[in-house]
Amino acid sequence: METATLNNSTSCISYNKLLNNSVFLYDLPELIKNMKNTSGWKNGELAATVLLNSPDKQIVLTLLHDDTEVNSFQSGDSLTLQMIEGKIKLITPAKTVILNYDQLLTLNDKTKFRLTSLEESVLLFTFSRTF
């Protein structure tokens, strides 16, 4: 089982279109395809790309191989995890849940969590901070 830590130092591969100064359009299937063509992914590493990084929000597209474990912490005030493909098991101090593709989960109050991919999976993490 590969173990990784999700943090703010992920690499950024830009496959987006600036529609105006504040609107970006992301081609997720194209991003995922290109991320799967990287040498790191082909060598079994987790792949992550930061889609948005602002003072109050960070959005990270993450690809996990089957049986990859991510130990993390909620760095913002809330976290939204959207399953794009695959299946994961997410463990918090209060609950363990299985998430399938097309499901969305939110965590509040800087909840620590651990997740394990039960098959190859693609997730969108949105970390939000309030000031």
C-alpha atoms as a PDB file:
ATOM      1  CA  MET A   1       0.000   0.000   0.000  1.00  0.00           C
ATOM      2  CA  GLU A   2       1.357   3.395  -0.985  1.00  0.00           C
ATOM      3  CA  THR A   3       1.008   6.049   1.712  1.00  0.00           C
ATOM      4  CA  ALA A   4       0.993   9.747   0.915  1.00  0.00           C
ATOM      5  CA  THR A   5       0.303  13.017   2.652  1.00  0.00           C
ATOM      6  CA  LEU A   6      -1.925  15.524   0.931  1.00  0.00           C
ATOM      7  CA  ASN A   7      -0.648  19.033   1.483  1.00  0.00           C
ATOM      8  CA  ASN A   8      -0.368  22.415  -0.175  1.00  0.00           C
ATOM      9  CA  SER A   9       2.859  21.654  -2.050  1.00  0.00           C
ATOM     10  CA  THR A  10       1.317  19.713  -4.924  1.00  0.00           C
ATOM     11  CA  SER A  11       2.584  20.359  -8.413  1.00  0.00           C
ATOM     12  CA  CYS A  12       0.467  22.361 -10.800  1.00  0.00           C
ATOM     13  CA  ILE A  13      -0.242  21.294 -14.353  1.00  0.00           C
ATOM     14  CA  SER A  14      -2.358  23.927 -16.039  1.00  0.00           C
ATOM     15  CA  TYR A  15      -5.090  22.718 -18.397  1.00  0.00           C
ATOM     16  CA  ASN A  16      -7.638  25.456 -17.974  1.00  0.00           C
ATOM     17  CA  LYS A  17      -9.065  28.309 -19.937  1.00  0.00           C
ATOM     18  CA  LEU A  18      -9.254  31.831 -18.548  1.00  0.00           C
ATOM     19  CA  LEU A  19     -12.697  33.086 -19.509  1.00  0.00           C
ATOM     20  CA  ASN A  20     -12.225  36.452 -17.798  1.00  0.00           C
ATOM     21  CA  ASN A  21     -10.235  37.779 -14.837  1.00  0.00           C
ATOM     22  CA  SER A  22     -12.192  35.708 -12.322  1.00  0.00           C
ATOM     23  CA  VAL A  23     -13.633  32.747 -14.266  1.00  0.00           C
ATOM     24  CA  PHE A  24     -11.681  29.625 -15.180  1.00  0.00           C
ATOM     25  CA  LEU A  25     -13.010  26.626 -17.101  1.00  0.00           C
ATOM     26  CA  TYR A  26     -11.292  23.288 -16.407  1.00  0.00           C
ATOM     27  CA  ASP A  27     -11.406  20.343 -18.789  1.00  0.00           C
ATOM     28  CA  LEU A  28     -11.327  17.588 -16.145  1.00  0.00           C
ATOM     29  CA  PRO A  29     -11.195  14.618 -18.565  1.00  0.00           C
ATOM     30  CA  GLU A  30      -8.229  16.219 -20.366  1.00  0.00           C
ATOM     31  CA  LEU A  31      -6.497  17.055 -17.065  1.00  0.00           C
ATOM     32  CA  ILE A  32      -6.964  13.500 -15.812  1.00  0.00           C
ATOM     33  CA  LYS A  33      -5.684  12.025 -19.087  1.00  0.00           C
ATOM     34  CA  ASN A  34      -2.568  14.206 -19.004  1.00  0.00           C
ATOM     35  CA  MET A  35      -1.924  13.500 -15.308  1.00  0.00           C
ATOM     36  CA  LYS A  36      -2.077   9.753 -16.025  1.00  0.00           C
ATOM     37  CA  ASN A  37       0.601  10.223 -18.696  1.00  0.00           C
ATOM     38  CA  THR A  38       3.174  11.600 -16.227  1.00  0.00           C
ATOM     39  CA  SER A  39       6.144   9.443 -15.258  1.00  0.00           C
ATOM     40  CA  GLY A  40       5.285   9.731 -11.557  1.00  0.00           C
ATOM     41  CA  TRP A  41       1.792   8.320 -12.078  1.00  0.00           C
ATOM     42  CA  LYS A  42       3.151   5.547 -14.306  1.00  0.00           C
ATOM     43  CA  ASN A  43       5.650   4.693 -11.524  1.00  0.00           C
ATOM     44  CA  GLY A  44       2.830   4.287  -8.991  1.00  0.00           C
ATOM     45  CA  GLU A  45       2.847   7.733  -7.376  1.00  0.00           C
ATOM     46  CA  LEU A  46      -0.206   9.752  -6.377  1.00  0.00           C
ATOM     47  CA  ALA A  47      -0.869  12.603  -8.833  1.00  0.00           C
ATOM     48  CA  ALA A  48      -2.233  15.973  -7.733  1.00  0.00           C
ATOM     49  CA  THR A  49      -2.625  19.336  -9.366  1.00  0.00           C
ATOM     50  CA  VAL A  50      -3.754  22.608  -7.805  1.00  0.00           C
ATOM     51  CA  LEU A  51      -6.588  24.078  -9.865  1.00  0.00           C
ATOM     52  CA  LEU A  52      -7.143  27.134  -7.687  1.00  0.00           C
ATOM     53  CA  ASN A  53      -4.992  28.610  -4.944  1.00  0.00           C
ATOM     54  CA  SER A  54      -6.319  31.762  -3.309  1.00  0.00           C
ATOM     55  CA  PRO A  55      -6.171  33.083   0.261  1.00  0.00           C
ATOM     56  CA  ASP A  56      -9.622  31.701   1.089  1.00  0.00           C
ATOM     57  CA  LYS A  57      -9.851  28.590  -1.115  1.00  0.00           C
ATOM     58  CA  GLN A  58      -7.737  25.856  -2.647  1.00  0.00           C
ATOM     59  CA  ILE A  59      -9.011  23.264  -5.129  1.00  0.00           C
ATOM     60  CA  VAL A  60      -6.857  20.186  -5.772  1.00  0.00           C
ATOM     61  CA  LEU A  61      -7.519  17.465  -8.347  1.00  0.00           C
ATOM     62  CA  THR A  62      -6.044  14.201  -7.038  1.00  0.00           C
ATOM     63  CA  LEU A  63      -5.562  10.794  -8.681  1.00  0.00           C
ATOM     64  CA  LEU A  64      -4.994   7.734  -6.527  1.00  0.00           C
ATOM     65  CA  HIS A  65      -3.935   4.258  -7.555  1.00  0.00           C
ATOM     66  CA  ASP A  66      -5.801   1.308  -6.066  1.00  0.00           C
ATOM     67  CA  ASP A  67      -4.899   0.738  -2.389  1.00  0.00           C
ATOM     68  CA  THR A  68      -3.260   4.142  -1.834  1.00  0.00           C
ATOM     69  CA  GLU A  69      -3.570   5.608   1.657  1.00  0.00           C
ATOM     70  CA  VAL A  70      -3.632   9.362   2.269  1.00  0.00           C
ATOM     71  CA  ASN A  71      -3.022  10.664   5.778  1.00  0.00           C
ATOM     72  CA  SER A  72      -4.088  14.253   5.971  1.00  0.00           C
ATOM     73  CA  PHE A  73      -5.519  17.030   8.001  1.00  0.00           C
ATOM     74  CA  GLN A  74      -8.096  19.618   7.179  1.00  0.00           C
ATOM     75  CA  SER A  75      -6.023  22.729   6.590  1.00  0.00           C
ATOM     76  CA  GLY A  76      -8.976  25.062   6.201  1.00  0.00           C
ATOM     77  CA  ASP A  77     -12.182  25.629   8.085  1.00  0.00           C
ATOM     78  CA  SER A  78     -14.043  23.230   5.804  1.00  0.00           C
ATOM     79  CA  LEU A  79     -13.245  20.583   3.227  1.00  0.00           C
ATOM     80  CA  THR A  80     -15.374  19.329   0.381  1.00  0.00           C
ATOM     81  CA  LEU A  81     -14.374  16.067  -1.249  1.00  0.00           C
ATOM     82  CA  GLN A  82     -16.038  15.226  -4.562  1.00  0.00           C
ATOM     83  CA  MET A  83     -15.579  11.790  -6.090  1.00  0.00           C
ATOM     84  CA  ILE A  84     -15.067  11.992  -9.853  1.00  0.00           C
ATOM     85  CA  GLU A  85     -14.128   8.322 -10.418  1.00  0.00           C
ATOM     86  CA  GLY A  86     -13.574   5.268  -8.249  1.00  0.00           C
ATOM     87  CA  LYS A  87     -14.242   4.373  -4.620  1.00  0.00           C
ATOM     88  CA  ILE A  88     -12.525   5.317  -1.348  1.00  0.00           C
ATOM     89  CA  LYS A  89     -12.852   4.619   2.357  1.00  0.00           C
ATOM     90  CA  LEU A  90     -12.648   7.794   4.469  1.00  0.00           C
ATOM     91  CA  ILE A  91     -11.973   7.538   8.196  1.00  0.00           C
ATOM     92  CA  THR A  92     -12.513  10.408  10.651  1.00  0.00           C
ATOM     93  CA  PRO A  93     -12.409  10.210  14.450  1.00  0.00           C
ATOM     94  CA  ALA A  94     -16.231  10.107  14.454  1.00  0.00           C
ATOM     95  CA  LYS A  95     -17.142   7.999  11.409  1.00  0.00           C
ATOM     96  CA  THR A  96     -15.946   5.746   8.593  1.00  0.00           C
ATOM     97  CA  VAL A  97     -17.687   6.050   5.214  1.00  0.00           C
ATOM     98  CA  ILE A  98     -17.329   4.547   1.757  1.00  0.00           C
ATOM     99  CA  LEU A  99     -17.559   7.113  -1.046  1.00  0.00           C
ATOM    100  CA  ASN A 100     -18.312   6.144  -4.638  1.00  0.00           C
ATOM    101  CA  TYR A 101     -17.982   8.183  -7.810  1.00  0.00           C
ATOM    102  CA  ASP A 102     -20.462  11.059  -8.097  1.00  0.00           C
ATOM    103  CA  GLN A 103     -20.707  11.457  -4.306  1.00  0.00           C
ATOM    104  CA  LEU A 104     -19.743  14.551  -2.330  1.00  0.00           C
ATOM    105  CA  LEU A 105     -18.725  14.813   1.332  1.00  0.00           C
ATOM    106  CA  THR A 106     -18.028  17.849   3.495  1.00  0.00           C
ATOM    107  CA  LEU A 107     -15.974  18.045   6.686  1.00  0.00           C
ATOM    108  CA  ASN A 108     -16.019  20.995   9.058  1.00  0.00           C
ATOM    109  CA  ASP A 109     -14.010  22.152  12.076  1.00  0.00           C
ATOM    110  CA  LYS A 110     -10.569  21.103  10.782  1.00  0.00           C
ATOM    111  CA  THR A 111     -11.363  17.394  11.084  1.00  0.00           C
ATOM    112  CA  LYS A 112      -8.416  15.020  10.723  1.00  0.00           C
ATOM    113  CA  PHE A 113      -9.006  12.189   8.278  1.00  0.00           C
ATOM    114  CA  ARG A 114      -7.398   9.243   6.550  1.00  0.00           C
ATOM    115  CA  LEU A 115      -8.545   7.762   3.288  1.00  0.00           C
ATOM    116  CA  THR A 116      -7.733   4.638   1.317  1.00  0.00           C
ATOM    117  CA  SER A 117      -8.563   4.133  -2.341  1.00  0.00           C
ATOM    118  CA  LEU A 118     -10.460   0.894  -2.859  1.00  0.00           C
ATOM    119  CA  GLU A 119      -9.843   1.176  -6.612  1.00  0.00           C
ATOM    120  CA  GLU A 120      -8.185   3.710  -8.895  1.00  0.00           C
ATOM    121  CA  SER A 121      -9.887   6.985  -7.955  1.00  0.00           C
ATOM    122  CA  VAL A 122     -10.093  10.644  -8.933  1.00  0.00           C
ATOM    123  CA  LEU A 123     -11.114  13.235  -6.317  1.00  0.00           C
ATOM    124  CA  LEU A 124     -11.574  16.990  -6.131  1.00  0.00           C
ATOM    125  CA  PHE A 125     -10.591  18.483  -2.759  1.00  0.00           C
ATOM    126  CA  THR A 126     -11.811  22.011  -1.962  1.00  0.00           C
ATOM    127  CA  PHE A 127     -10.222  23.522   1.140  1.00  0.00           C
ATOM    128  CA  SER A 128     -11.969  26.686   2.354  1.00  0.00           C
ATOM    129  CA  ARG A 129     -10.845  29.185   4.976  1.00  0.00           C
ATOM    130  CA  THR A 130     -12.796  31.943   6.667  1.00  0.00           C
ATOM    131  CA  PHE A 131     -11.182  35.018   8.164  1.00  0.00           C
END
